[in-house]
Amino acid sequence: MTLATWITLFRIFLVPVFLGVLLTAEQVPYRVFLAAAIFVLAAATDGLDGYVARARREETKFGALIDPIADKLLVSSALIALVELDQVSAWVVVIIIGREFAVSGLRLVAASEGQVIAASIWGKLKTMTQIVAITGVLIGVPGANALLWIAAVVTVLSGVDYFLKAQFLFR
């Protein structure tokens, strides 16, 4: 297994650790800040695994499959936990996770046709705004919920971008 794959698997491993600290460790001092630190560490591995895979020329089909799953698992878990803690509106979470399902389905259809829908700057902006907004909500930054709604708009726009790029599938 490649180093990049290990980094991705580490991100997946951090998801239940993050959730455990955030949701069940009330007796832990500064648990929300600890959970936020774990979340940021996990999010940072997203860019790192791709960089390592390219730098070491170790890009694999498994890595290409598991990386976006790890991303969606991290963000979706954090958002659902924040709904559970009554920190964010369920609507914003439904919008973000709904887009993730729609685009994942679209990419699966494209793959079944032997096509790849390349990521764009919108996808990177989506991820960045989601991570910043979630981190802000976790640590109680004023206005972070508004930023999460902005992240939802960027998320929808990136989804529209994917569907526009995939028009060939609808002909």
C-alpha atoms as a PDB file:
ATOM      1  CA  MET A   1       0.000   0.000   0.000  1.00  0.00           C
ATOM      2  CA  THR A   2       1.271   3.474  -0.863  1.00  0.00           C
ATOM      3  CA  LEU A   3       2.056   6.262   1.595  1.00  0.00           C
ATOM      4  CA  ALA A   4      -0.718   8.384   0.084  1.00  0.00           C
ATOM      5  CA  THR A   5      -3.229   5.597   0.711  1.00  0.00           C
ATOM      6  CA  TRP A   6      -2.075   5.321   4.326  1.00  0.00           C
ATOM      7  CA  ILE A   7      -2.624   9.069   4.714  1.00  0.00           C
ATOM      8  CA  THR A   8      -6.153   8.739   3.306  1.00  0.00           C
ATOM      9  CA  LEU A   9      -6.896   5.810   5.617  1.00  0.00           C
ATOM     10  CA  PHE A  10      -5.594   7.885   8.533  1.00  0.00           C
ATOM     11  CA  ARG A  11      -8.175  10.556   7.606  1.00  0.00           C
ATOM     12  CA  ILE A  12     -10.913   7.913   7.730  1.00  0.00           C
ATOM     13  CA  PHE A  13      -9.582   6.681  11.103  1.00  0.00           C
ATOM     14  CA  LEU A  14      -9.771  10.240  12.461  1.00  0.00           C
ATOM     15  CA  VAL A  15     -13.506  10.539  11.706  1.00  0.00           C
ATOM     16  CA  PRO A  16     -14.717   8.341  14.610  1.00  0.00           C
ATOM     17  CA  VAL A  17     -12.029   9.849  16.852  1.00  0.00           C
ATOM     18  CA  PHE A  18     -13.334  13.332  16.009  1.00  0.00           C
ATOM     19  CA  LEU A  19     -16.944  12.252  16.575  1.00  0.00           C
ATOM     20  CA  GLY A  20     -16.089  10.493  19.834  1.00  0.00           C
ATOM     21  CA  VAL A  21     -14.394  13.565  21.244  1.00  0.00           C
ATOM     22  CA  LEU A  22     -17.080  15.953  20.025  1.00  0.00           C
ATOM     23  CA  LEU A  23     -20.158  13.940  20.955  1.00  0.00           C
ATOM     24  CA  THR A  24     -19.265  11.774  23.929  1.00  0.00           C
ATOM     25  CA  ALA A  25     -16.350  13.257  25.819  1.00  0.00           C
ATOM     26  CA  GLU A  26     -18.123  15.887  27.931  1.00  0.00           C
ATOM     27  CA  GLN A  27     -15.654  15.338  30.780  1.00  0.00           C
ATOM     28  CA  VAL A  28     -12.666  16.216  28.563  1.00  0.00           C
ATOM     29  CA  PRO A  29     -11.573  19.829  29.106  1.00  0.00           C
ATOM     30  CA  TYR A  30     -11.690  21.889  25.923  1.00  0.00           C
ATOM     31  CA  ARG A  31     -13.249  18.961  24.056  1.00  0.00           C
ATOM     32  CA  VAL A  32     -14.700  21.194  21.341  1.00  0.00           C
ATOM     33  CA  PHE A  33     -11.288  22.699  20.617  1.00  0.00           C
ATOM     34  CA  LEU A  34      -9.722  19.233  20.670  1.00  0.00           C
ATOM     35  CA  ALA A  35     -12.417  18.021  18.268  1.00  0.00           C
ATOM     36  CA  ALA A  36     -11.772  21.046  16.035  1.00  0.00           C
ATOM     37  CA  ALA A  37      -8.034  20.290  16.039  1.00  0.00           C
ATOM     38  CA  ILE A  38      -8.714  16.675  15.053  1.00  0.00           C
ATOM     39  CA  PHE A  39     -11.053  17.874  12.304  1.00  0.00           C
ATOM     40  CA  VAL A  40      -8.457  20.325  10.948  1.00  0.00           C
ATOM     41  CA  LEU A  41      -5.761  17.618  11.054  1.00  0.00           C
ATOM     42  CA  ALA A  42      -8.033  15.245   9.143  1.00  0.00           C
ATOM     43  CA  ALA A  43      -8.906  17.964   6.625  1.00  0.00           C
ATOM     44  CA  ALA A  44      -5.217  18.780   6.125  1.00  0.00           C
ATOM     45  CA  THR A  45      -4.536  15.191   5.109  1.00  0.00           C
ATOM     46  CA  ASP A  46      -6.834  15.721   2.118  1.00  0.00           C
ATOM     47  CA  GLY A  47      -4.344  17.914   0.309  1.00  0.00           C
ATOM     48  CA  LEU A  48      -1.385  15.990   1.643  1.00  0.00           C
ATOM     49  CA  ASP A  49      -2.395  12.584   0.285  1.00  0.00           C
ATOM     50  CA  GLY A  50      -2.879  13.921  -3.229  1.00  0.00           C
ATOM     51  CA  TYR A  51       0.413  15.802  -3.129  1.00  0.00           C
ATOM     52  CA  VAL A  52       2.281  12.725  -1.878  1.00  0.00           C
ATOM     53  CA  ALA A  53       0.681  10.486  -4.511  1.00  0.00           C
ATOM     54  CA  ARG A  54       1.663  12.831  -7.332  1.00  0.00           C
ATOM     55  CA  ALA A  55       5.134  13.633  -5.980  1.00  0.00           C
ATOM     56  CA  ARG A  56       5.987   9.956  -5.520  1.00  0.00           C
ATOM     57  CA  ARG A  57       4.153   8.889  -8.679  1.00  0.00           C
ATOM     58  CA  GLU A  58       2.037   6.536  -6.607  1.00  0.00           C
ATOM     59  CA  GLU A  59      -1.408   7.428  -7.890  1.00  0.00           C
ATOM     60  CA  THR A  60      -3.622   4.352  -7.736  1.00  0.00           C
ATOM     61  CA  LYS A  61      -7.180   3.472  -8.690  1.00  0.00           C
ATOM     62  CA  PHE A  62      -7.866   2.599  -5.059  1.00  0.00           C
ATOM     63  CA  GLY A  63      -6.550   5.988  -3.946  1.00  0.00           C
ATOM     64  CA  ALA A  64      -8.668   7.781  -6.533  1.00  0.00           C
ATOM     65  CA  LEU A  65     -11.711   5.886  -5.223  1.00  0.00           C
ATOM     66  CA  ILE A  66     -11.117   6.145  -1.482  1.00  0.00           C
ATOM     67  CA  ASP A  67      -9.969   9.794  -1.324  1.00  0.00           C
ATOM     68  CA  PRO A  68     -13.326  11.406  -2.202  1.00  0.00           C
ATOM     69  CA  ILE A  69     -15.100   8.885   0.039  1.00  0.00           C
ATOM     70  CA  ALA A  70     -12.857   9.935   2.934  1.00  0.00           C
ATOM     71  CA  ASP A  71     -13.577  13.606   2.203  1.00  0.00           C
ATOM     72  CA  LYS A  72     -17.325  13.097   2.134  1.00  0.00           C
ATOM     73  CA  LEU A  73     -17.215  10.956   5.276  1.00  0.00           C
ATOM     74  CA  LEU A  74     -15.310  13.638   7.185  1.00  0.00           C
ATOM     75  CA  VAL A  75     -17.452  16.596   6.106  1.00  0.00           C
ATOM     76  CA  SER A  76     -20.790  14.756   6.299  1.00  0.00           C
ATOM     77  CA  SER A  77     -20.018  13.337   9.742  1.00  0.00           C
ATOM     78  CA  ALA A  78     -19.014  16.744  11.058  1.00  0.00           C
ATOM     79  CA  LEU A  79     -22.139  18.383   9.661  1.00  0.00           C
ATOM     80  CA  ILE A  80     -24.468  15.706  11.036  1.00  0.00           C
ATOM     81  CA  ALA A  81     -22.767  15.978  14.442  1.00  0.00           C
ATOM     82  CA  LEU A  82     -23.271  19.748  14.386  1.00  0.00           C
ATOM     83  CA  VAL A  83     -26.983  19.213  13.683  1.00  0.00           C
ATOM     84  CA  GLU A  84     -27.110  16.766  16.605  1.00  0.00           C
ATOM     85  CA  LEU A  85     -25.516  19.425  18.820  1.00  0.00           C
ATOM     86  CA  ASP A  86     -28.036  21.981  17.510  1.00  0.00           C
ATOM     87  CA  GLN A  87     -25.225  24.168  16.182  1.00  0.00           C
ATOM     88  CA  VAL A  88     -26.337  24.329  12.534  1.00  0.00           C
ATOM     89  CA  SER A  89     -29.549  24.146  10.555  1.00  0.00           C
ATOM     90  CA  ALA A  90     -30.420  20.731   9.194  1.00  0.00           C
ATOM     91  CA  TRP A  91     -31.356  22.442   5.926  1.00  0.00           C
ATOM     92  CA  VAL A  92     -27.814  23.545   5.157  1.00  0.00           C
ATOM     93  CA  VAL A  93     -26.603  20.021   5.888  1.00  0.00           C
ATOM     94  CA  VAL A  94     -29.233  18.472   3.602  1.00  0.00           C
ATOM     95  CA  ILE A  95     -28.189  20.843   0.805  1.00  0.00           C
ATOM     96  CA  ILE A  96     -24.489  20.023   1.162  1.00  0.00           C
ATOM     97  CA  ILE A  97     -24.891  16.264   1.573  1.00  0.00           C
ATOM     98  CA  GLY A  98     -27.547  16.141  -1.166  1.00  0.00           C
ATOM     99  CA  ARG A  99     -25.116  17.736  -3.600  1.00  0.00           C
ATOM    100  CA  GLU A 100     -22.445  15.211  -2.605  1.00  0.00           C
ATOM    101  CA  PHE A 101     -24.780  12.308  -3.398  1.00  0.00           C
ATOM    102  CA  ALA A 102     -25.853  13.877  -6.701  1.00  0.00           C
ATOM    103  CA  VAL A 103     -22.305  14.526  -7.903  1.00  0.00           C
ATOM    104  CA  SER A 104     -21.082  11.120  -6.712  1.00  0.00           C
ATOM    105  CA  GLY A 105     -23.895   9.491  -8.663  1.00  0.00           C
ATOM    106  CA  LEU A 106     -23.062  11.566 -11.710  1.00  0.00           C
ATOM    107  CA  ARG A 107     -19.403  10.564 -11.510  1.00  0.00           C
ATOM    108  CA  LEU A 108     -20.400   6.896 -11.210  1.00  0.00           C
ATOM    109  CA  VAL A 109     -22.539   7.159 -14.337  1.00  0.00           C
ATOM    110  CA  ALA A 110     -19.679   8.880 -16.160  1.00  0.00           C
ATOM    111  CA  ALA A 111     -17.254   6.174 -15.013  1.00  0.00           C
ATOM    112  CA  SER A 112     -19.626   3.469 -16.250  1.00  0.00           C
ATOM    113  CA  GLU A 113     -19.395   5.164 -19.659  1.00  0.00           C
ATOM    114  CA  GLY A 114     -15.602   5.208 -19.452  1.00  0.00           C
ATOM    115  CA  GLN A 115     -15.559   8.964 -18.849  1.00  0.00           C
ATOM    116  CA  VAL A 116     -14.026  11.063 -16.107  1.00  0.00           C
ATOM    117  CA  ILE A 117     -15.445  14.389 -15.019  1.00  0.00           C
ATOM    118  CA  ALA A 118     -12.428  16.388 -13.954  1.00  0.00           C
ATOM    119  CA  ALA A 119     -12.493  18.376 -10.754  1.00  0.00           C
ATOM    120  CA  SER A 120     -12.455  22.139 -11.107  1.00  0.00           C
ATOM    121  CA  ILE A 121     -11.575  25.156  -9.043  1.00  0.00           C
ATOM    122  CA  TRP A 122     -15.185  25.107  -7.813  1.00  0.00           C
ATOM    123  CA  GLY A 123     -14.590  21.774  -6.101  1.00  0.00           C
ATOM    124  CA  LYS A 124     -11.503  23.088  -4.338  1.00  0.00           C
ATOM    125  CA  LEU A 125     -13.339  26.259  -3.300  1.00  0.00           C
ATOM    126  CA  LYS A 126     -16.246  24.128  -2.057  1.00  0.00           C
ATOM    127  CA  THR A 127     -13.969  22.016   0.098  1.00  0.00           C
ATOM    128  CA  MET A 128     -12.121  25.032   1.473  1.00  0.00           C
ATOM    129  CA  THR A 129     -15.295  26.919   2.414  1.00  0.00           C
ATOM    130  CA  GLN A 130     -16.813  23.813   4.009  1.00  0.00           C
ATOM    131  CA  ILE A 131     -13.707  23.142   6.112  1.00  0.00           C
ATOM    132  CA  VAL A 132     -13.357  26.774   7.221  1.00  0.00           C
ATOM    133  CA  ALA A 133     -17.074  27.053   8.026  1.00  0.00           C
ATOM    134  CA  ILE A 134     -17.222  23.779   9.959  1.00  0.00           C
ATOM    135  CA  THR A 135     -14.107  24.696  11.917  1.00  0.00           C
ATOM    136  CA  GLY A 136     -15.586  28.122  12.655  1.00  0.00           C
ATOM    137  CA  VAL A 137     -18.833  26.617  13.913  1.00  0.00           C
ATOM    138  CA  LEU A 138     -16.914  24.117  16.045  1.00  0.00           C
ATOM    139  CA  ILE A 139     -14.898  26.785  17.831  1.00  0.00           C
ATOM    140  CA  GLY A 140     -17.736  29.298  18.012  1.00  0.00           C
ATOM    141  CA  VAL A 141     -16.514  31.973  15.625  1.00  0.00           C
ATOM    142  CA  PRO A 142     -19.197  34.660  15.204  1.00  0.00           C
ATOM    143  CA  GLY A 143     -20.715  34.477  11.735  1.00  0.00           C
ATOM    144  CA  ALA A 144     -19.584  30.913  11.100  1.00  0.00           C
ATOM    145  CA  ASN A 145     -23.154  29.780  10.452  1.00  0.00           C
ATOM    146  CA  ALA A 146     -23.460  32.430   7.751  1.00  0.00           C
ATOM    147  CA  LEU A 147     -20.209  31.152   6.282  1.00  0.00           C
ATOM    148  CA  LEU A 148     -21.693  27.648   6.289  1.00  0.00           C
ATOM    149  CA  TRP A 149     -24.611  28.947   4.202  1.00  0.00           C
ATOM    150  CA  ILE A 150     -22.073  30.530   1.838  1.00  0.00           C
ATOM    151  CA  ALA A 151     -20.339  27.142   1.700  1.00  0.00           C
ATOM    152  CA  ALA A 152     -23.704  25.599   0.785  1.00  0.00           C
ATOM    153  CA  VAL A 153     -24.090  28.063  -2.099  1.00  0.00           C
ATOM    154  CA  VAL A 154     -20.548  27.330  -3.315  1.00  0.00           C
ATOM    155  CA  THR A 155     -21.306  23.611  -2.923  1.00  0.00           C
ATOM    156  CA  VAL A 156     -24.399  23.925  -5.124  1.00  0.00           C
ATOM    157  CA  LEU A 157     -22.477  25.986  -7.697  1.00  0.00           C
ATOM    158  CA  SER A 158     -19.758  23.343  -7.853  1.00  0.00           C
ATOM    159  CA  GLY A 159     -22.474  20.739  -8.367  1.00  0.00           C
ATOM    160  CA  VAL A 160     -23.926  22.776 -11.229  1.00  0.00           C
ATOM    161  CA  ASP A 161     -20.415  22.952 -12.701  1.00  0.00           C
ATOM    162  CA  TYR A 162     -20.138  19.148 -12.591  1.00  0.00           C
ATOM    163  CA  PHE A 163     -23.523  18.695 -14.253  1.00  0.00           C
ATOM    164  CA  LEU A 164     -22.658  21.207 -16.981  1.00  0.00           C
ATOM    165  CA  LYS A 165     -19.406  19.349 -17.658  1.00  0.00           C
ATOM    166  CA  ALA A 166     -21.373  16.097 -17.834  1.00  0.00           C
ATOM    167  CA  GLN A 167     -23.926  17.211 -20.423  1.00  0.00           C
ATOM    168  CA  PHE A 168     -22.574  14.523 -22.736  1.00  0.00           C
ATOM    169  CA  LEU A 169     -24.199  11.950 -20.450  1.00  0.00           C
ATOM    170  CA  PHE A 170     -27.662  13.366 -21.093  1.00  0.00           C
ATOM    171  CA  ARG A 171     -27.615  13.163 -24.891  1.00  0.00           C
END
